[in-house]
Every structure is written in C-alpha cells, then in structure tokens.
Amino acid sequence: MVSIQRYRTYSYTKTLVDKKEYVIKSFTFNKGAAFAKEGVHAKNHFFKYFDKSTNAEREISVFDYFRQRYNVTLNYWMLPLIETSRGGMFPMECAILLPNQKYQFKLSPDQTTNMIKFAVTRPKQRVAAIEHGVGMLKWAQDPYLNHYGVKIETKMTEVCRNI
C-alpha cells in the first residue's frame, strides 16, 4: 500500500492537497523495445488527458502533468514509475509507503516450512545463510541499481547490546 501525495505549491513550500491510498501493482522498469535504453519514466510515459480549459483530449507526459496540474517540477523524473491497481502511474518521489504493511498472500506449505526452519536457526548459521543470499543477489552487477546509482552495503551492521 502506498500513499500518493498531490501537491499545490505556494512559493517554495509544498502543501499537501489530498492524500489517497493505492495498492502497488508493479514498477515500470522496461516496457518493450522502445524503452530498452532508459526504461519508462515520467518524461517518456504519456497518457490521454482531458484538458478542461480547452475542452480537448490530448497526450501528456507524467512529468508535464505534475508540472501543469500541481505546479511541481519532479526532481527524480528518471526513476521508474509506480503502477497502481487502479491503473494510475505515479512518480516515486510523490509516494510514501505506509508503515506496517503485511504480506497479503497465503504461503505455500513449503514456504511455511522453510520460514519456520529459518526462524529457529542458530545466529551463526543464520548470518552465514544471509551472507550467502546477499552474495547470490550480486547487487554490484545489477543493471537497475547501477543505472540509478544505488549502492547497497553487503556487510551486516554491528550493534551494541545489553544483556
């Protein structure tokens, strides 16, 4: 679940106009050969928009729509868009993930068994399993993460504890 912010801007401060909740369906990384180099983002995704001032329907990009409708210039227009279950496309910078989201789907019996086995694993074995999984993900070679400059620390965080 994600809350999409829609802004009306007064001078340099952004004021929240309305806040609606949407369910994320997917993200628009690559949607066909036309977007193979840069993926779908706010400047190259167009939709039909009925302009009330001219009483005409026209094609408009998500970037231009947010600039004209909410007077907001998107700073991170190059990020993939969020596609919602209602068919809307929203820029990531206008979305806030709602806290305490739960997984909505039932686990298969194998997934349930694996989850219980993992939960009762000793700490040293769990750390080894996590490090093995992180190594398999190969985040440093991920083209999407590299494209957007995302770097993920592969070492676990050490914290002080009191017993």
C-alpha atoms as a PDB file:
ATOM      1  CA  MET A   1       0.000   0.000   0.000  1.00  0.00           C
ATOM      2  CA  VAL A   2       1.328   3.426  -0.903  1.00  0.00           C
ATOM      3  CA  SER A   3       0.015   6.887  -0.213  1.00  0.00           C
ATOM      4  CA  ILE A   4       0.374   9.246  -3.175  1.00  0.00           C
ATOM      5  CA  GLN A   5       0.905  12.910  -2.392  1.00  0.00           C
ATOM      6  CA  ARG A   6      -0.598  15.503  -4.669  1.00  0.00           C
ATOM      7  CA  TYR A   7       0.769  18.969  -4.176  1.00  0.00           C
ATOM      8  CA  ARG A   8      -0.282  22.530  -4.696  1.00  0.00           C
ATOM      9  CA  THR A   9       2.783  24.756  -4.448  1.00  0.00           C
ATOM     10  CA  TYR A  10       2.843  28.188  -2.829  1.00  0.00           C
ATOM     11  CA  SER A  11       6.169  29.981  -3.444  1.00  0.00           C
ATOM     12  CA  TYR A  12       8.797  27.457  -2.295  1.00  0.00           C
ATOM     13  CA  THR A  13       6.803  25.275   0.098  1.00  0.00           C
ATOM     14  CA  LYS A  14       4.878  22.202  -0.914  1.00  0.00           C
ATOM     15  CA  THR A  15       1.474  21.870   0.688  1.00  0.00           C
ATOM     16  CA  LEU A  16      -0.380  18.581   0.657  1.00  0.00           C
ATOM     17  CA  VAL A  17      -3.696  18.932  -1.175  1.00  0.00           C
ATOM     18  CA  ASP A  18      -5.040  15.403  -0.875  1.00  0.00           C
ATOM     19  CA  LYS A  19      -3.744  12.044   0.204  1.00  0.00           C
ATOM     20  CA  LYS A  20      -5.089   8.820  -1.254  1.00  0.00           C
ATOM     21  CA  GLU A  21      -4.040   5.229  -0.740  1.00  0.00           C
ATOM     22  CA  TYR A  22      -3.228   2.957  -3.662  1.00  0.00           C
ATOM     23  CA  VAL A  23      -2.047  -0.626  -3.970  1.00  0.00           C
ATOM     24  CA  ILE A  24       1.199  -1.008  -5.916  1.00  0.00           C
ATOM     25  CA  LYS A  25       0.739  -3.327  -8.881  1.00  0.00           C
ATOM     26  CA  SER A  26       4.224  -3.010 -10.386  1.00  0.00           C
ATOM     27  CA  PHE A  27       7.055  -0.688 -11.343  1.00  0.00           C
ATOM     28  CA  THR A  28       7.792   0.425 -14.904  1.00  0.00           C
ATOM     29  CA  PHE A  29      11.369  -0.705 -15.491  1.00  0.00           C
ATOM     30  CA  ASN A  30      11.293  -1.843 -19.116  1.00  0.00           C
ATOM     31  CA  LYS A  31       8.077  -1.980 -21.107  1.00  0.00           C
ATOM     32  CA  GLY A  32       9.117  -3.072 -24.571  1.00  0.00           C
ATOM     33  CA  ALA A  33      11.854  -2.360 -27.080  1.00  0.00           C
ATOM     34  CA  ALA A  34      11.069   1.357 -27.339  1.00  0.00           C
ATOM     35  CA  PHE A  35      12.242   1.898 -23.751  1.00  0.00           C
ATOM     36  CA  ALA A  36      15.131  -0.598 -23.698  1.00  0.00           C
ATOM     37  CA  LYS A  37      17.879   2.005 -23.114  1.00  0.00           C
ATOM     38  CA  GLU A  38      16.397   4.118 -20.345  1.00  0.00           C
ATOM     39  CA  GLY A  39      13.222   2.374 -19.175  1.00  0.00           C
ATOM     40  CA  VAL A  40       9.843   4.021 -18.641  1.00  0.00           C
ATOM     41  CA  HIS A  41       9.964   7.217 -16.596  1.00  0.00           C
ATOM     42  CA  ALA A  42       7.970  10.422 -16.079  1.00  0.00           C
ATOM     43  CA  LYS A  43       9.211  12.190 -19.232  1.00  0.00           C
ATOM     44  CA  ASN A  44       8.638   9.345 -21.702  1.00  0.00           C
ATOM     45  CA  HIS A  45       5.353   7.874 -20.392  1.00  0.00           C
ATOM     46  CA  PHE A  46       2.324   9.566 -21.956  1.00  0.00           C
ATOM     47  CA  PHE A  47      -1.379   9.184 -21.229  1.00  0.00           C
ATOM     48  CA  LYS A  48      -4.603  10.728 -22.530  1.00  0.00           C
ATOM     49  CA  TYR A  49      -5.714  13.740 -20.512  1.00  0.00           C
ATOM     50  CA  PHE A  50      -8.908  15.778 -20.894  1.00  0.00           C
ATOM     51  CA  ASP A  51      -7.941  19.440 -20.587  1.00  0.00           C
ATOM     52  CA  LYS A  52     -10.929  21.345 -19.127  1.00  0.00           C
ATOM     53  CA  SER A  53      -9.534  24.724 -20.178  1.00  0.00           C
ATOM     54  CA  THR A  54      -9.533  23.795 -23.874  1.00  0.00           C
ATOM     55  CA  ASN A  55     -12.240  21.087 -23.739  1.00  0.00           C
ATOM     56  CA  ALA A  56      -9.949  18.790 -25.691  1.00  0.00           C
ATOM     57  CA  GLU A  57      -8.293  15.470 -25.044  1.00  0.00           C
ATOM     58  CA  ARG A  58      -4.533  15.386 -25.542  1.00  0.00           C
ATOM     59  CA  GLU A  59      -1.493  13.270 -24.777  1.00  0.00           C
ATOM     60  CA  ILE A  60       0.644  14.455 -21.873  1.00  0.00           C
ATOM     61  CA  SER A  61       3.680  13.058 -20.084  1.00  0.00           C
ATOM     62  CA  VAL A  62       3.563  12.336 -16.361  1.00  0.00           C
ATOM     63  CA  PHE A  63       6.303  14.963 -15.878  1.00  0.00           C
ATOM     64  CA  ASP A  64       4.316  17.688 -17.688  1.00  0.00           C
ATOM     65  CA  TYR A  65       1.079  16.675 -15.973  1.00  0.00           C
ATOM     66  CA  PHE A  66       2.567  17.150 -12.484  1.00  0.00           C
ATOM     67  CA  ARG A  67       4.133  20.457 -13.540  1.00  0.00           C
ATOM     68  CA  GLN A  68       0.897  21.819 -15.001  1.00  0.00           C
ATOM     69  CA  ARG A  69      -1.644  20.329 -12.592  1.00  0.00           C
ATOM     70  CA  TYR A  70       0.227  20.631  -9.263  1.00  0.00           C
ATOM     71  CA  ASN A  71       2.955  23.168 -10.140  1.00  0.00           C
ATOM     72  CA  VAL A  72       5.579  20.596  -9.106  1.00  0.00           C
ATOM     73  CA  THR A  73       8.773  20.025 -11.046  1.00  0.00           C
ATOM     74  CA  LEU A  74       9.863  16.435 -10.500  1.00  0.00           C
ATOM     75  CA  ASN A  75      13.477  16.210  -9.362  1.00  0.00           C
ATOM     76  CA  TYR A  76      13.765  12.444  -9.906  1.00  0.00           C
ATOM     77  CA  TRP A  77      11.817  12.092 -13.149  1.00  0.00           C
ATOM     78  CA  MET A  78      14.280   9.438 -14.368  1.00  0.00           C
ATOM     79  CA  LEU A  79      13.153   6.864 -11.752  1.00  0.00           C
ATOM     80  CA  PRO A  80      10.670   4.177 -12.766  1.00  0.00           C
ATOM     81  CA  LEU A  81       7.004   4.988 -12.239  1.00  0.00           C
ATOM     82  CA  ILE A  82       4.720   3.222  -9.783  1.00  0.00           C
ATOM     83  CA  GLU A  83       1.802   1.484 -11.483  1.00  0.00           C
ATOM     84  CA  THR A  84      -1.192   1.106  -9.157  1.00  0.00           C
ATOM     85  CA  SER A  85      -4.006  -1.429  -9.158  1.00  0.00           C
ATOM     86  CA  ARG A  86      -6.359   1.384 -10.281  1.00  0.00           C
ATOM     87  CA  GLY A  87      -4.287   1.898 -13.438  1.00  0.00           C
ATOM     88  CA  GLY A  88      -2.554   5.103 -12.359  1.00  0.00           C
ATOM     89  CA  MET A  89       1.118   5.899 -12.925  1.00  0.00           C
ATOM     90  CA  PHE A  90       2.854   7.959 -10.261  1.00  0.00           C
ATOM     91  CA  PRO A  91       6.401   9.239  -9.791  1.00  0.00           C
ATOM     92  CA  MET A  92       8.268   7.586  -6.915  1.00  0.00           C
ATOM     93  CA  GLU A  93       9.092  10.928  -5.306  1.00  0.00           C
ATOM     94  CA  CYS A  94       5.380  11.598  -4.748  1.00  0.00           C
ATOM     95  CA  ALA A  95       4.769   8.308  -2.940  1.00  0.00           C
ATOM     96  CA  ILE A  96       5.051   7.438   0.725  1.00  0.00           C
ATOM     97  CA  LEU A  97       4.986   3.787   1.704  1.00  0.00           C
ATOM     98  CA  LEU A  98       2.530   3.276   4.514  1.00  0.00           C
ATOM     99  CA  PRO A  99       4.036   1.713   7.652  1.00  0.00           C
ATOM    100  CA  ASN A 100       3.410  -1.827   8.907  1.00  0.00           C
ATOM    101  CA  GLN A 101       2.462  -3.369   5.591  1.00  0.00           C
ATOM    102  CA  LYS A 102       1.764  -7.073   5.761  1.00  0.00           C
ATOM    103  CA  TYR A 103       2.178  -9.735   3.123  1.00  0.00           C
ATOM    104  CA  GLN A 104      -1.346 -10.280   1.753  1.00  0.00           C
ATOM    105  CA  PHE A 105      -0.950 -13.729   0.258  1.00  0.00           C
ATOM    106  CA  LYS A 106      -1.023 -17.180   1.837  1.00  0.00           C
ATOM    107  CA  LEU A 107       2.295 -19.005   1.942  1.00  0.00           C
ATOM    108  CA  SER A 108       2.520 -22.439   0.380  1.00  0.00           C
ATOM    109  CA  PRO A 109       3.218 -25.366   2.758  1.00  0.00           C
ATOM    110  CA  ASP A 110       6.858 -25.460   1.566  1.00  0.00           C
ATOM    111  CA  GLN A 111       7.270 -21.717   2.176  1.00  0.00           C
ATOM    112  CA  THR A 112       5.764 -22.071   5.658  1.00  0.00           C
ATOM    113  CA  THR A 113       8.113 -24.962   6.473  1.00  0.00           C
ATOM    114  CA  ASN A 114      11.140 -23.028   5.218  1.00  0.00           C
ATOM    115  CA  MET A 115      10.142 -19.916   7.172  1.00  0.00           C
ATOM    116  CA  ILE A 116       9.821 -21.900  10.416  1.00  0.00           C
ATOM    117  CA  LYS A 117      13.167 -23.644   9.814  1.00  0.00           C
ATOM    118  CA  PHE A 118      14.836 -20.299   9.176  1.00  0.00           C
ATOM    119  CA  ALA A 119      13.270 -18.746  12.291  1.00  0.00           C
ATOM    120  CA  VAL A 120      14.719 -21.438  14.576  1.00  0.00           C
ATOM    121  CA  THR A 121      18.200 -21.343  13.016  1.00  0.00           C
ATOM    122  CA  ARG A 122      21.139 -20.523  15.317  1.00  0.00           C
ATOM    123  CA  PRO A 123      22.566 -16.990  14.885  1.00  0.00           C
ATOM    124  CA  LYS A 124      25.888 -18.058  13.303  1.00  0.00           C
ATOM    125  CA  GLN A 125      24.094 -20.282  10.799  1.00  0.00           C
ATOM    126  CA  ARG A 126      21.575 -17.512  10.070  1.00  0.00           C
ATOM    127  CA  VAL A 127      24.370 -14.988   9.417  1.00  0.00           C
ATOM    128  CA  ALA A 128      26.053 -17.468   7.054  1.00  0.00           C
ATOM    129  CA  ALA A 129      22.745 -18.033   5.207  1.00  0.00           C
ATOM    130  CA  ILE A 130      22.116 -14.291   4.891  1.00  0.00           C
ATOM    131  CA  GLU A 131      25.645 -13.628   3.616  1.00  0.00           C
ATOM    132  CA  HIS A 132      25.267 -16.462   1.096  1.00  0.00           C
ATOM    133  CA  GLY A 133      21.965 -14.987  -0.116  1.00  0.00           C
ATOM    134  CA  VAL A 134      23.454 -11.496  -0.393  1.00  0.00           C
ATOM    135  CA  GLY A 135      26.326 -12.929  -2.428  1.00  0.00           C
ATOM    136  CA  MET A 136      23.894 -14.651  -4.789  1.00  0.00           C
ATOM    137  CA  LEU A 137      21.972 -11.395  -5.399  1.00  0.00           C
ATOM    138  CA  LYS A 138      25.066  -9.732  -6.936  1.00  0.00           C
ATOM    139  CA  TRP A 139      23.832  -6.212  -6.236  1.00  0.00           C
ATOM    140  CA  ALA A 140      27.080  -4.690  -7.522  1.00  0.00           C
ATOM    141  CA  GLN A 141      26.343  -6.104 -11.008  1.00  0.00           C
ATOM    142  CA  ASP A 142      22.595  -5.301 -11.027  1.00  0.00           C
ATOM    143  CA  PRO A 143      21.910  -3.054 -14.071  1.00  0.00           C
ATOM    144  CA  TYR A 144      18.903  -1.312 -12.486  1.00  0.00           C
ATOM    145  CA  LEU A 145      20.734  -0.466  -9.281  1.00  0.00           C
ATOM    146  CA  ASN A 146      23.787   0.726 -11.228  1.00  0.00           C
ATOM    147  CA  HIS A 147      21.649   2.813 -13.595  1.00  0.00           C
ATOM    148  CA  TYR A 148      20.113   4.739 -10.684  1.00  0.00           C
ATOM    149  CA  GLY A 149      23.327   4.917  -8.643  1.00  0.00           C
ATOM    150  CA  VAL A 150      22.061   2.709  -5.814  1.00  0.00           C
ATOM    151  CA  LYS A 151      24.820   1.160  -3.698  1.00  0.00           C
ATOM    152  CA  ILE A 152      23.981  -1.456  -1.046  1.00  0.00           C
ATOM    153  CA  GLU A 153      26.355  -2.345   1.776  1.00  0.00           C
ATOM    154  CA  THR A 154      26.881  -6.109   1.811  1.00  0.00           C
ATOM    155  CA  LYS A 155      28.314  -6.309   5.337  1.00  0.00           C
ATOM    156  CA  MET A 156      25.934  -6.708   8.261  1.00  0.00           C
ATOM    157  CA  THR A 157      25.559  -3.813  10.677  1.00  0.00           C
ATOM    158  CA  GLU A 158      27.121  -4.367  14.093  1.00  0.00           C
ATOM    159  CA  VAL A 159      25.230  -3.025  17.090  1.00  0.00           C
ATOM    160  CA  CYS A 160      25.971  -2.867  20.814  1.00  0.00           C
ATOM    161  CA  ARG A 161      23.801  -4.997  23.048  1.00  0.00           C
ATOM    162  CA  ASN A 162      22.940  -5.129  26.731  1.00  0.00           C
ATOM    163  CA  ILE A 163      22.096  -8.404  28.396  1.00  0.00           C
END
